[in-house]
Amino acid sequence: DTTPKRPRLHSRKSSGTIIVPREHPRVELKEGDEVFDEDDARAMSPRRSSQDLEKMSEDAKVQLNEHAKILQKSLLEIFNRIEAVKEEHDKLDSNNKFLQKYIGDLMSTSKITATGA
């Protein structure tokens, strides 16, 4: 049989359960129960108080409002630019129509003078 075979999987040992039974005396952690090495990521990520969270929330709102104002200003500038381009387009379109009519009149005048001579 020449079909390739899958490599055998090595058996792994169970990592065991991480569930703590409800009856266990240390279900809830108390202040000071959490002791981590200084290299542990949990020690590097400080718990935030409600005041810290409130300040972070206010700072985020201020930043969001500032960003919204910048975007609104940018949008207004774009709108004004569009209006200016539209006005310029209308002016050029009007001048173009005038020139087309003028050229048409010149052509018909030159035909009249050419046939009349």
PDB file of N, CA and C in Angstrom:
ATOM      1  N   ASP A   1       0.851  -1.191   0.000  1.00  0.00           N
ATOM      2  CA  ASP A   1       0.000   0.000   0.000  1.00  0.00           C
ATOM      3  C   ASP A   1       0.894   1.250   0.000  1.00  0.00           C
ATOM      4  N   THR A   2       0.741   2.126  -1.016  1.00  0.00           N
ATOM      5  CA  THR A   2       1.615   3.300  -1.158  1.00  0.00           C
ATOM      6  C   THR A   2       0.977   4.587  -0.650  1.00  0.00           C
ATOM      7  N   THR A   3      -0.246   4.534  -0.163  1.00  0.00           N
ATOM      8  CA  THR A   3      -0.885   5.760   0.339  1.00  0.00           C
ATOM      9  C   THR A   3      -0.180   6.219   1.608  1.00  0.00           C
ATOM     10  N   PRO A   4       0.035   7.550   1.722  1.00  0.00           N
ATOM     11  CA  PRO A   4       0.724   8.040   2.924  1.00  0.00           C
ATOM     12  C   PRO A   4      -0.145   7.841   4.156  1.00  0.00           C
ATOM     13  N   LYS A   5       0.500   7.586   5.251  1.00  0.00           N
ATOM     14  CA  LYS A   5      -0.225   7.383   6.514  1.00  0.00           C
ATOM     15  C   LYS A   5       0.038   8.566   7.432  1.00  0.00           C
ATOM     16  N   ARG A   6      -0.951   8.857   8.224  1.00  0.00           N
ATOM     17  CA  ARG A   6      -0.790   9.926   9.207  1.00  0.00           C
ATOM     18  C   ARG A   6       0.191   9.498  10.286  1.00  0.00           C
ATOM     19  N   PRO A   7       0.954  10.461  10.779  1.00  0.00           N
ATOM     20  CA  PRO A   7       1.831  10.094  11.899  1.00  0.00           C
ATOM     21  C   PRO A   7       0.990   9.809  13.134  1.00  0.00           C
ATOM     22  N   ARG A   8       1.472   8.915  13.946  1.00  0.00           N
ATOM     23  CA  ARG A   8       0.726   8.568  15.160  1.00  0.00           C
ATOM     24  C   ARG A   8       0.767   9.737  16.147  1.00  0.00           C
ATOM     25  N   LEU A   9      -0.361   9.956  16.799  1.00  0.00           N
ATOM     26  CA  LEU A   9      -0.422  10.987  17.835  1.00  0.00           C
ATOM     27  C   LEU A   9       0.121  10.419  19.127  1.00  0.00           C
ATOM     28  N   HIS A  10       0.936  11.201  19.797  1.00  0.00           N
ATOM     29  CA  HIS A  10       1.444  10.769  21.091  1.00  0.00           C
ATOM     30  C   HIS A  10       0.354  11.004  22.108  1.00  0.00           C
ATOM     31  N   SER A  11       0.260  10.148  23.059  1.00  0.00           N
ATOM     32  CA  SER A  11      -0.765  10.344  24.080  1.00  0.00           C
ATOM     33  C   SER A  11      -0.289  11.432  25.035  1.00  0.00           C
ATOM     34  N   ARG A  12      -1.222  12.255  25.432  1.00  0.00           N
ATOM     35  CA  ARG A  12      -0.894  13.326  26.361  1.00  0.00           C
ATOM     36  C   ARG A  12      -1.534  13.024  27.698  1.00  0.00           C
ATOM     37  N   LYS A  13      -0.862  13.458  28.722  1.00  0.00           N
ATOM     38  CA  LYS A  13      -1.431  13.288  30.049  1.00  0.00           C
ATOM     39  C   LYS A  13      -2.458  14.388  30.272  1.00  0.00           C
ATOM     40  N   SER A  14      -3.475  14.075  31.000  1.00  0.00           N
ATOM     41  CA  SER A  14      -4.506  15.053  31.308  1.00  0.00           C
ATOM     42  C   SER A  14      -3.915  16.154  32.182  1.00  0.00           C
ATOM     43  N   SER A  15      -4.310  17.370  31.892  1.00  0.00           N
ATOM     44  CA  SER A  15      -3.834  18.475  32.716  1.00  0.00           C
ATOM     45  C   SER A  15      -4.654  18.578  33.988  1.00  0.00           C
ATOM     46  N   GLY A  16      -5.659  17.729  34.102  1.00  0.00           N
ATOM     47  CA  GLY A  16      -6.479  17.740  35.299  1.00  0.00           C
ATOM     48  C   GLY A  16      -7.512  18.842  35.238  1.00  0.00           C
ATOM     49  N   THR A  17      -8.362  18.842  36.172  1.00  0.00           N
ATOM     50  CA  THR A  17      -9.417  19.841  36.185  1.00  0.00           C
ATOM     51  C   THR A  17      -8.950  21.097  36.898  1.00  0.00           C
ATOM     52  N   ILE A  18      -9.432  22.224  36.438  1.00  0.00           N
ATOM     53  CA  ILE A  18      -9.117  23.471  37.132  1.00  0.00           C
ATOM     54  C   ILE A  18     -10.350  23.981  37.875  1.00  0.00           C
ATOM     55  N   ILE A  19     -11.380  23.168  37.869  1.00  0.00           N
ATOM     56  CA  ILE A  19     -12.615  23.562  38.549  1.00  0.00           C
ATOM     57  C   ILE A  19     -12.454  23.280  40.036  1.00  0.00           C
ATOM     58  N   VAL A  20     -12.791  24.262  40.838  1.00  0.00           N
ATOM     59  CA  VAL A  20     -12.726  24.107  42.287  1.00  0.00           C
ATOM     60  C   VAL A  20     -14.133  23.804  42.773  1.00  0.00           C
ATOM     61  N   PRO A  21     -14.305  22.734  43.527  1.00  0.00           N
ATOM     62  CA  PRO A  21     -15.658  22.421  44.020  1.00  0.00           C
ATOM     63  C   PRO A  21     -16.190  23.549  44.901  1.00  0.00           C
ATOM     64  N   ARG A  22     -17.493  23.698  44.888  1.00  0.00           N
ATOM     65  CA  ARG A  22     -18.139  24.767  45.644  1.00  0.00           C
ATOM     66  C   ARG A  22     -17.878  24.656  47.142  1.00  0.00           C
ATOM     67  N   GLU A  23     -17.703  23.433  47.593  1.00  0.00           N
ATOM     68  CA  GLU A  23     -17.518  23.205  49.038  1.00  0.00           C
ATOM     69  C   GLU A  23     -16.100  23.524  49.496  1.00  0.00           C
ATOM     70  N   HIS A  24     -15.202  23.733  48.559  1.00  0.00           N
ATOM     71  CA  HIS A  24     -13.800  23.992  48.903  1.00  0.00           C
ATOM     72  C   HIS A  24     -13.716  25.259  49.748  1.00  0.00           C
ATOM     73  N   PRO A  25     -12.893  25.245  50.791  1.00  0.00           N
ATOM     74  CA  PRO A  25     -12.833  26.415  51.679  1.00  0.00           C
ATOM     75  C   PRO A  25     -12.257  27.667  51.015  1.00  0.00           C
ATOM     76  N   ARG A  26     -11.539  27.514  49.905  1.00  0.00           N
ATOM     77  CA  ARG A  26     -10.914  28.680  49.284  1.00  0.00           C
ATOM     78  C   ARG A  26     -11.510  28.956  47.912  1.00  0.00           C
ATOM     79  N   VAL A  27     -12.824  28.927  47.824  1.00  0.00           N
ATOM     80  CA  VAL A  27     -13.475  29.220  46.551  1.00  0.00           C
ATOM     81  C   VAL A  27     -13.286  30.692  46.209  1.00  0.00           C
ATOM     82  N   GLU A  28     -13.518  31.564  47.159  1.00  0.00           N
ATOM     83  CA  GLU A  28     -13.365  33.003  46.948  1.00  0.00           C
ATOM     84  C   GLU A  28     -11.997  33.440  47.433  1.00  0.00           C
ATOM     85  N   LEU A  29     -11.323  34.230  46.600  1.00  0.00           N
ATOM     86  CA  LEU A  29     -10.042  34.779  47.015  1.00  0.00           C
ATOM     87  C   LEU A  29     -10.281  35.990  47.899  1.00  0.00           C
ATOM     88  N   LYS A  30      -9.455  36.098  48.901  1.00  0.00           N
ATOM     89  CA  LYS A  30      -9.555  37.253  49.786  1.00  0.00           C
ATOM     90  C   LYS A  30      -8.372  38.173  49.516  1.00  0.00           C
ATOM     91  N   GLU A  31      -8.456  39.391  50.011  1.00  0.00           N
ATOM     92  CA  GLU A  31      -7.372  40.361  49.834  1.00  0.00           C
ATOM     93  C   GLU A  31      -6.073  39.756  50.344  1.00  0.00           C
ATOM     94  N   GLY A  32      -5.048  39.798  49.526  1.00  0.00           N
ATOM     95  CA  GLY A  32      -3.752  39.262  49.928  1.00  0.00           C
ATOM     96  C   GLY A  32      -3.550  37.810  49.547  1.00  0.00           C
ATOM     97  N   ASP A  33      -4.619  37.112  49.119  1.00  0.00           N
ATOM     98  CA  ASP A  33      -4.481  35.711  48.707  1.00  0.00           C
ATOM     99  C   ASP A  33      -3.694  35.580  47.416  1.00  0.00           C
ATOM    100  N   GLU A  34      -3.785  36.583  46.575  1.00  0.00           N
ATOM    101  CA  GLU A  34      -3.110  36.502  45.289  1.00  0.00           C
ATOM    102  C   GLU A  34      -1.671  36.969  45.455  1.00  0.00           C
ATOM    103  N   VAL A  35      -0.753  36.042  45.377  1.00  0.00           N
ATOM    104  CA  VAL A  35       0.663  36.375  45.450  1.00  0.00           C
ATOM    105  C   VAL A  35       1.295  35.830  44.186  1.00  0.00           C
ATOM    106  N   PHE A  36       1.840  36.727  43.375  1.00  0.00           N
ATOM    107  CA  PHE A  36       2.423  36.330  42.098  1.00  0.00           C
ATOM    108  C   PHE A  36       3.893  36.715  42.077  1.00  0.00           C
ATOM    109  N   ASP A  37       4.674  35.946  41.343  1.00  0.00           N
ATOM    110  CA  ASP A  37       6.066  36.333  41.107  1.00  0.00           C
ATOM    111  C   ASP A  37       6.050  37.634  40.318  1.00  0.00           C
ATOM    112  N   GLU A  38       7.132  38.406  40.426  1.00  0.00           N
ATOM    113  CA  GLU A  38       7.135  39.686  39.712  1.00  0.00           C
ATOM    114  C   GLU A  38       7.167  39.507  38.200  1.00  0.00           C
ATOM    115  N   ASP A  39       7.574  38.328  37.714  1.00  0.00           N
ATOM    116  CA  ASP A  39       7.564  38.068  36.273  1.00  0.00           C
ATOM    117  C   ASP A  39       6.201  37.605  35.777  1.00  0.00           C
ATOM    118  N   ASP A  40       5.311  37.290  36.700  1.00  0.00           N
ATOM    119  CA  ASP A  40       3.981  36.805  36.319  1.00  0.00           C
ATOM    120  C   ASP A  40       3.182  37.957  35.701  1.00  0.00           C
ATOM    121  N   ALA A  41       2.539  37.694  34.571  1.00  0.00           N
ATOM    122  CA  ALA A  41       1.783  38.741  33.867  1.00  0.00           C
ATOM    123  C   ALA A  41       0.682  39.320  34.740  1.00  0.00           C
ATOM    124  N   ARG A  42       0.129  38.494  35.631  1.00  0.00           N
ATOM    125  CA  ARG A  42      -0.953  38.996  36.491  1.00  0.00           C
ATOM    126  C   ARG A  42      -0.450  40.043  37.474  1.00  0.00           C
ATOM    127  N   ALA A  43       0.824  39.961  37.827  1.00  0.00           N
ATOM    128  CA  ALA A  43       1.391  40.959  38.734  1.00  0.00           C
ATOM    129  C   ALA A  43       1.663  42.262  37.991  1.00  0.00           C
ATOM    130  N   MET A  44       1.803  42.167  36.670  1.00  0.00           N
ATOM    131  CA  MET A  44       2.100  43.356  35.876  1.00  0.00           C
ATOM    132  C   MET A  44       0.843  44.110  35.474  1.00  0.00           C
ATOM    133  N   SER A  45      -0.294  43.473  35.582  1.00  0.00           N
ATOM    134  CA  SER A  45      -1.521  44.143  35.170  1.00  0.00           C
ATOM    135  C   SER A  45      -2.291  44.526  36.423  1.00  0.00           C
ATOM    136  N   PRO A  46      -2.179  45.791  36.825  1.00  0.00           N
ATOM    137  CA  PRO A  46      -2.774  46.212  38.100  1.00  0.00           C
ATOM    138  C   PRO A  46      -4.297  46.208  38.054  1.00  0.00           C
ATOM    139  N   ARG A  47      -4.861  45.956  39.192  1.00  0.00           N
ATOM    140  CA  ARG A  47      -6.320  46.059  39.331  1.00  0.00           C
ATOM    141  C   ARG A  47      -6.666  47.537  39.338  1.00  0.00           C
ATOM    142  N   ARG A  48      -7.754  47.874  38.712  1.00  0.00           N
ATOM    143  CA  ARG A  48      -8.141  49.282  38.651  1.00  0.00           C
ATOM    144  C   ARG A  48      -9.327  49.525  39.575  1.00  0.00           C
ATOM    145  N   SER A  49      -9.271  50.632  40.265  1.00  0.00           N
ATOM    146  CA  SER A  49     -10.385  50.995  41.140  1.00  0.00           C
ATOM    147  C   SER A  49     -11.495  51.607  40.296  1.00  0.00           C
ATOM    148  N   SER A  50     -12.652  51.759  40.893  1.00  0.00           N
ATOM    149  CA  SER A  50     -13.772  52.346  40.151  1.00  0.00           C
ATOM    150  C   SER A  50     -13.463  53.791  39.763  1.00  0.00           C
ATOM    151  N   GLN A  51     -12.678  54.493  40.603  1.00  0.00           N
ATOM    152  CA  GLN A  51     -12.287  55.862  40.250  1.00  0.00           C
ATOM    153  C   GLN A  51     -11.372  55.854  39.024  1.00  0.00           C
ATOM    154  N   ASP A  52     -10.443  54.885  38.987  1.00  0.00           N
ATOM    155  CA  ASP A  52      -9.556  54.772  37.823  1.00  0.00           C
ATOM    156  C   ASP A  52     -10.367  54.488  36.568  1.00  0.00           C
ATOM    157  N   LEU A  53     -11.326  53.570  36.692  1.00  0.00           N
ATOM    158  CA  LEU A  53     -12.161  53.218  35.540  1.00  0.00           C
ATOM    159  C   LEU A  53     -12.999  54.410  35.093  1.00  0.00           C
ATOM    160  N   GLU A  54     -13.509  55.168  36.060  1.00  0.00           N
ATOM    161  CA  GLU A  54     -14.310  56.356  35.739  1.00  0.00           C
ATOM    162  C   GLU A  54     -13.454  57.386  35.007  1.00  0.00           C
ATOM    163  N   LYS A  55     -12.221  57.592  35.488  1.00  0.00           N
ATOM    164  CA  LYS A  55     -11.317  58.540  34.834  1.00  0.00           C
ATOM    165  C   LYS A  55     -10.974  58.063  33.428  1.00  0.00           C
ATOM    166  N   MET A  56     -10.699  56.771  33.280  1.00  0.00           N
ATOM    167  CA  MET A  56     -10.397  56.224  31.953  1.00  0.00           C
ATOM    168  C   MET A  56     -11.584  56.418  31.021  1.00  0.00           C
ATOM    169  N   SER A  57     -12.784  56.208  31.557  1.00  0.00           N
ATOM    170  CA  SER A  57     -13.999  56.373  30.758  1.00  0.00           C
ATOM    171  C   SER A  57     -14.158  57.823  30.319  1.00  0.00           C
ATOM    172  N   GLU A  58     -13.941  58.757  31.246  1.00  0.00           N
ATOM    173  CA  GLU A  58     -14.039  60.180  30.915  1.00  0.00           C
ATOM    174  C   GLU A  58     -12.983  60.576  29.884  1.00  0.00           C
ATOM    175  N   ASP A  59     -11.753  60.086  30.070  1.00  0.00           N
ATOM    176  CA  ASP A  59     -10.682  60.385  29.110  1.00  0.00           C
ATOM    177  C   ASP A  59     -11.038  59.854  27.726  1.00  0.00           C
ATOM    178  N   ALA A  60     -11.591  58.645  27.694  1.00  0.00           N
ATOM    179  CA  ALA A  60     -11.980  58.052  26.409  1.00  0.00           C
ATOM    180  C   ALA A  60     -13.078  58.884  25.751  1.00  0.00           C
ATOM    181  N   LYS A  61     -14.040  59.359  26.569  1.00  0.00           N
ATOM    182  CA  LYS A  61     -15.123  60.191  26.022  1.00  0.00           C
ATOM    183  C   LYS A  61     -14.567  61.497  25.455  1.00  0.00           C
ATOM    184  N   VAL A  62     -13.626  62.115  26.186  1.00  0.00           N
ATOM    185  CA  VAL A  62     -13.021  63.370  25.728  1.00  0.00           C
ATOM    186  C   VAL A  62     -12.284  63.140  24.411  1.00  0.00           C
ATOM    187  N   GLN A  63     -11.496  62.069  24.352  1.00  0.00           N
ATOM    188  CA  GLN A  63     -10.765  61.760  23.118  1.00  0.00           C
ATOM    189  C   GLN A  63     -11.724  61.492  21.969  1.00  0.00           C
ATOM    190  N   LEU A  64     -12.798  60.770  22.262  1.00  0.00           N
ATOM    191  CA  LEU A  64     -13.791  60.462  21.231  1.00  0.00           C
ATOM    192  C   LEU A  64     -14.458  61.739  20.730  1.00  0.00           C
ATOM    193  N   ASN A  65     -14.794  62.647  21.644  1.00  0.00           N
ATOM    194  CA  ASN A  65     -15.400  63.923  21.243  1.00  0.00           C
ATOM    195  C   ASN A  65     -14.435  64.757  20.407  1.00  0.00           C
ATOM    196  N   GLU A  66     -13.164  64.787  20.807  1.00  0.00           N
ATOM    197  CA  GLU A  66     -12.172  65.540  20.035  1.00  0.00           C
ATOM    198  C   GLU A  66     -12.025  64.949  18.638  1.00  0.00           C
ATOM    199  N   HIS A  67     -11.994  63.630  18.573  1.00  0.00           N
ATOM    200  CA  HIS A  67     -11.877  62.957  17.275  1.00  0.00           C
ATOM    201  C   HIS A  67     -13.107  63.256  16.412  1.00  0.00           C
ATOM    202  N   ALA A  68     -14.285  63.245  17.033  1.00  0.00           N
ATOM    203  CA  ALA A  68     -15.520  63.540  16.296  1.00  0.00           C
ATOM    204  C   ALA A  68     -15.496  64.972  15.759  1.00  0.00           C
ATOM    205  N   LYS A  69     -15.005  65.914  16.575  1.00  0.00           N
ATOM    206  CA  LYS A  69     -14.921  67.311  16.120  1.00  0.00           C
ATOM    207  C   LYS A  69     -13.967  67.444  14.936  1.00  0.00           C
ATOM    208  N   ILE A  70     -12.833  66.755  15.017  1.00  0.00           N
ATOM    209  CA  ILE A  70     -11.863  66.793  13.909  1.00  0.00           C
ATOM    210  C   ILE A  70     -12.498  66.228  12.647  1.00  0.00           C
ATOM    211  N   LEU A  71     -13.211  65.108  12.786  1.00  0.00           N
ATOM    212  CA  LEU A  71     -13.862  64.498  11.625  1.00  0.00           C
ATOM    213  C   LEU A  71     -14.947  65.406  11.056  1.00  0.00           C
ATOM    214  N   GLN A  72     -15.716  66.070  11.941  1.00  0.00           N
ATOM    215  CA  GLN A  72     -16.754  66.987  11.470  1.00  0.00           C
ATOM    216  C   GLN A  72     -16.135  68.164  10.722  1.00  0.00           C
ATOM    217  N   LYS A  73     -15.033  68.692  11.260  1.00  0.00           N
ATOM    218  CA  LYS A  73     -14.350  69.807  10.597  1.00  0.00           C
ATOM    219  C   LYS A  73     -13.843  69.369   9.229  1.00  0.00           C
ATOM    220  N   SER A  74     -13.259  68.193   9.180  1.00  0.00           N
ATOM    221  CA  SER A  74     -12.748  67.654   7.916  1.00  0.00           C
ATOM    222  C   SER A  74     -13.886  67.454   6.921  1.00  0.00           C
ATOM    223  N   LEU A  75     -15.002  66.934   7.407  1.00  0.00           N
ATOM    224  CA  LEU A  75     -16.166  66.715   6.548  1.00  0.00           C
ATOM    225  C   LEU A  75     -16.697  68.041   6.011  1.00  0.00           C
ATOM    226  N   LEU A  76     -16.733  69.067   6.858  1.00  0.00           N
ATOM    227  CA  LEU A  76     -17.191  70.387   6.428  1.00  0.00           C
ATOM    228  C   LEU A  76     -16.258  70.964   5.364  1.00  0.00           C
ATOM    229  N   GLU A  77     -14.943  70.787   5.557  1.00  0.00           N
ATOM    230  CA  GLU A  77     -13.982  71.266   4.556  1.00  0.00           C
ATOM    231  C   GLU A  77     -14.185  70.546   3.222  1.00  0.00           C
ATOM    232  N   ILE A  78     -14.414  69.248   3.289  1.00  0.00           N
ATOM    233  CA  ILE A  78     -14.659  68.478   2.060  1.00  0.00           C
ATOM    234  C   ILE A  78     -15.936  68.962   1.387  1.00  0.00           C
ATOM    235  N   PHE A  79     -16.984  69.190   2.181  1.00  0.00           N
ATOM    236  CA  PHE A  79     -18.254  69.673   1.640  1.00  0.00           C
ATOM    237  C   PHE A  79     -18.066  71.029   0.960  1.00  0.00           C
ATOM    238  N   ASN A  80     -17.338  71.938   1.629  1.00  0.00           N
ATOM    239  CA  ASN A  80     -17.093  73.265   1.047  1.00  0.00           C
ATOM    240  C   ASN A  80     -16.296  73.155  -0.244  1.00  0.00           C
ATOM    241  N   ARG A  81     -15.327  72.259  -0.267  1.00  0.00           N
ATOM    242  CA  ARG A  81     -14.532  72.056  -1.490  1.00  0.00           C
ATOM    243  C   ARG A  81     -15.414  71.517  -2.611  1.00  0.00           C
ATOM    244  N   ILE A  82     -16.304  70.597  -2.279  1.00  0.00           N
ATOM    245  CA  ILE A  82     -17.224  70.046  -3.287  1.00  0.00           C
ATOM    246  C   ILE A  82     -18.109  71.153  -3.850  1.00  0.00           C
ATOM    247  N   GLU A  83     -18.614  72.017  -2.974  1.00  0.00           N
ATOM    248  CA  GLU A  83     -19.460  73.125  -3.423  1.00  0.00           C
ATOM    249  C   GLU A  83     -18.685  74.064  -4.352  1.00  0.00           C
ATOM    250  N   ALA A  84     -17.433  74.358  -3.998  1.00  0.00           N
ATOM    251  CA  ALA A  84     -16.613  75.247  -4.833  1.00  0.00           C
ATOM    252  C   ALA A  84     -16.356  74.606  -6.197  1.00  0.00           C
ATOM    253  N   VAL A  85     -16.059  73.317  -6.206  1.00  0.00           N
ATOM    254  CA  VAL A  85     -15.815  72.612  -7.471  1.00  0.00           C
ATOM    255  C   VAL A  85     -17.089  72.583  -8.302  1.00  0.00           C
ATOM    256  N   LYS A  86     -18.234  72.397  -7.629  1.00  0.00           N
ATOM    257  CA  LYS A  86     -19.523  72.377  -8.335  1.00  0.00           C
ATOM    258  C   LYS A  86     -19.791  73.728  -9.000  1.00  0.00           C
ATOM    259  N   GLU A  87     -19.538  74.810  -8.246  1.00  0.00           N
ATOM    260  CA  GLU A  87     -19.732  76.151  -8.808  1.00  0.00           C
ATOM    261  C   GLU A  87     -18.813  76.373 -10.004  1.00  0.00           C
ATOM    262  N   GLU A  88     -17.550  75.970  -9.880  1.00  0.00           N
ATOM    263  CA  GLU A  88     -16.592  76.120 -10.976  1.00  0.00           C
ATOM    264  C   GLU A  88     -17.045  75.298 -12.185  1.00  0.00           C
ATOM    265  N   HIS A  89     -17.539  74.098 -11.930  1.00  0.00           N
ATOM    266  CA  HIS A  89     -18.026  73.239 -13.017  1.00  0.00           C
ATOM    267  C   HIS A  89     -19.201  73.899 -13.737  1.00  0.00           C
ATOM    268  N   ASP A  90     -20.157  74.422 -12.954  1.00  0.00           N
ATOM    269  CA  ASP A  90     -21.320  75.082 -13.560  1.00  0.00           C
ATOM    270  C   ASP A  90     -20.890  76.286 -14.402  1.00  0.00           C
ATOM    271  N   LYS A  91     -19.922  77.053 -13.885  1.00  0.00           N
ATOM    272  CA  LYS A  91     -19.422  78.220 -14.614  1.00  0.00           C
ATOM    273  C   LYS A  91     -18.763  77.783 -15.925  1.00  0.00           C
ATOM    274  N   LEU A  92     -17.910  76.754 -15.853  1.00  0.00           N
ATOM    275  CA  LEU A  92     -17.247  76.253 -17.062  1.00  0.00           C
ATOM    276  C   LEU A  92     -18.257  75.673 -18.048  1.00  0.00           C
ATOM    277  N   ASP A  93     -19.264  74.988 -17.520  1.00  0.00           N
ATOM    278  CA  ASP A  93     -20.303  74.410 -18.380  1.00  0.00           C
ATOM    279  C   ASP A  93     -21.065  75.517 -19.107  1.00  0.00           C
ATOM    280  N   SER A  94     -21.384  76.590 -18.374  1.00  0.00           N
ATOM    281  CA  SER A  94     -22.086  77.728 -18.974  1.00  0.00           C
ATOM    282  C   SER A  94     -21.221  78.381 -20.055  1.00  0.00           C
ATOM    283  N   ASN A  95     -19.935  78.596 -19.751  1.00  0.00           N
ATOM    284  CA  ASN A  95     -19.022  79.182 -20.739  1.00  0.00           C
ATOM    285  C   ASN A  95     -18.872  78.272 -21.958  1.00  0.00           C
ATOM    286  N   ASN A  96     -18.833  76.959 -21.719  1.00  0.00           N
ATOM    287  CA  ASN A  96     -18.719  75.998 -22.812  1.00  0.00           C
ATOM    288  C   ASN A  96     -19.937  76.085 -23.738  1.00  0.00           C
ATOM    289  N   LYS A  97     -21.129  76.171 -23.142  1.00  0.00           N
ATOM    290  CA  LYS A  97     -22.353  76.282 -23.955  1.00  0.00           C
ATOM    291  C   LYS A  97     -22.345  77.582 -24.762  1.00  0.00           C
ATOM    292  N   PHE A  98     -21.889  78.662 -24.115  1.00  0.00           N
ATOM    293  CA  PHE A  98     -21.811  79.946 -24.807  1.00  0.00           C
ATOM    294  C   PHE A  98     -20.864  79.849 -26.007  1.00  0.00           C
ATOM    295  N   LEU A  99     -19.681  79.238 -25.776  1.00  0.00           N
ATOM    296  CA  LEU A  99     -18.708  79.105 -26.869  1.00  0.00           C
ATOM    297  C   LEU A  99     -19.236  78.209 -27.991  1.00  0.00           C
ATOM    298  N   GLN A 100     -19.941  77.139 -27.624  1.00  0.00           N
ATOM    299  CA  GLN A 100     -20.516  76.263 -28.655  1.00  0.00           C
ATOM    300  C   GLN A 100     -21.524  77.023 -29.506  1.00  0.00           C
ATOM    301  N   LYS A 101     -22.366  77.831 -28.840  1.00  0.00           N
ATOM    302  CA  LYS A 101     -23.350  78.623 -29.580  1.00  0.00           C
ATOM    303  C   LYS A 101     -22.634  79.648 -30.462  1.00  0.00           C
ATOM    304  N   TYR A 102     -21.604  80.300 -29.923  1.00  0.00           N
ATOM    305  CA  TYR A 102     -20.841  81.301 -30.671  1.00  0.00           C
ATOM    306  C   TYR A 102     -20.187  80.676 -31.903  1.00  0.00           C
ATOM    307  N   ILE A 103     -19.565  79.506 -31.713  1.00  0.00           N
ATOM    308  CA  ILE A 103     -18.926  78.812 -32.839  1.00  0.00           C
ATOM    309  C   ILE A 103     -19.972  78.394 -33.863  1.00  0.00           C
ATOM    310  N   GLY A 104     -21.107  77.918 -33.388  1.00  0.00           N
ATOM    311  CA  GLY A 104     -22.199  77.544 -34.294  1.00  0.00           C
ATOM    312  C   GLY A 104     -22.677  78.730 -35.107  1.00  0.00           C
ATOM    313  N   ASP A 105     -22.818  79.884 -34.443  1.00  0.00           N
ATOM    314  CA  ASP A 105     -23.239  81.101 -35.150  1.00  0.00           C
ATOM    315  C   ASP A 105     -22.192  81.521 -36.179  1.00  0.00           C
ATOM    316  N   LEU A 106     -20.907  81.442 -35.810  1.00  0.00           N
ATOM    317  CA  LEU A 106     -19.838  81.777 -36.752  1.00  0.00           C
ATOM    318  C   LEU A 106     -19.858  80.848 -37.961  1.00  0.00           C
ATOM    319  N   MET A 107     -20.090  79.562 -37.709  1.00  0.00           N
ATOM    320  CA  MET A 107     -20.123  78.584 -38.800  1.00  0.00           C
ATOM    321  C   MET A 107     -21.272  78.904 -39.750  1.00  0.00           C
ATOM    322  N   SER A 108     -22.451  79.196 -39.194  1.00  0.00           N
ATOM    323  CA  SER A 108     -23.589  79.491 -40.075  1.00  0.00           C
ATOM    324  C   SER A 108     -23.374  80.822 -40.799  1.00  0.00           C
ATOM    325  N   THR A 109     -22.737  81.805 -40.152  1.00  0.00           N
ATOM    326  CA  THR A 109     -22.431  83.079 -40.809  1.00  0.00           C
ATOM    327  C   THR A 109     -21.438  82.863 -41.940  1.00  0.00           C
ATOM    328  N   SER A 110     -20.431  82.015 -41.694  1.00  0.00           N
ATOM    329  CA  SER A 110     -19.437  81.774 -42.748  1.00  0.00           C
ATOM    330  C   SER A 110     -20.058  81.006 -43.911  1.00  0.00           C
ATOM    331  N   LYS A 111     -21.040  80.137 -43.643  1.00  0.00           N
ATOM    332  CA  LYS A 111     -21.728  79.432 -44.729  1.00  0.00           C
ATOM    333  C   LYS A 111     -22.549  80.418 -45.561  1.00  0.00           C
ATOM    334  N   ILE A 112     -23.205  81.363 -44.858  1.00  0.00           N
ATOM    335  CA  ILE A 112     -24.031  82.353 -45.559  1.00  0.00           C
ATOM    336  C   ILE A 112     -23.147  83.226 -46.443  1.00  0.00           C
ATOM    337  N   THR A 113     -22.024  83.705 -45.884  1.00  0.00           N
ATOM    338  CA  THR A 113     -21.140  84.575 -46.679  1.00  0.00           C
ATOM    339  C   THR A 113     -20.446  83.799 -47.786  1.00  0.00           C
ATOM    340  N   ALA A 114     -20.184  82.507 -47.565  1.00  0.00           N
ATOM    341  CA  ALA A 114     -19.522  81.701 -48.597  1.00  0.00           C
ATOM    342  C   ALA A 114     -20.472  81.439 -49.760  1.00  0.00           C
ATOM    343  N   THR A 115     -21.731  81.185 -49.472  1.00  0.00           N
ATOM    344  CA  THR A 115     -22.694  80.930 -50.549  1.00  0.00           C
ATOM    345  C   THR A 115     -23.156  82.229 -51.199  1.00  0.00           C
ATOM    346  N   GLY A 116     -23.098  83.320 -50.475  1.00  0.00           N
ATOM    347  CA  GLY A 116     -23.548  84.604 -51.005  1.00  0.00           C
ATOM    348  C   GLY A 116     -22.522  85.262 -51.892  1.00  0.00           C
ATOM    349  N   ALA A 117     -21.263  84.891 -51.820  1.00  0.00           N
ATOM    350  CA  ALA A 117     -20.227  85.561 -52.608  1.00  0.00           C
ATOM    351  C   ALA A 117     -20.160  85.109 -54.016  1.00  0.00           C
TER     352      ALA A 117
END
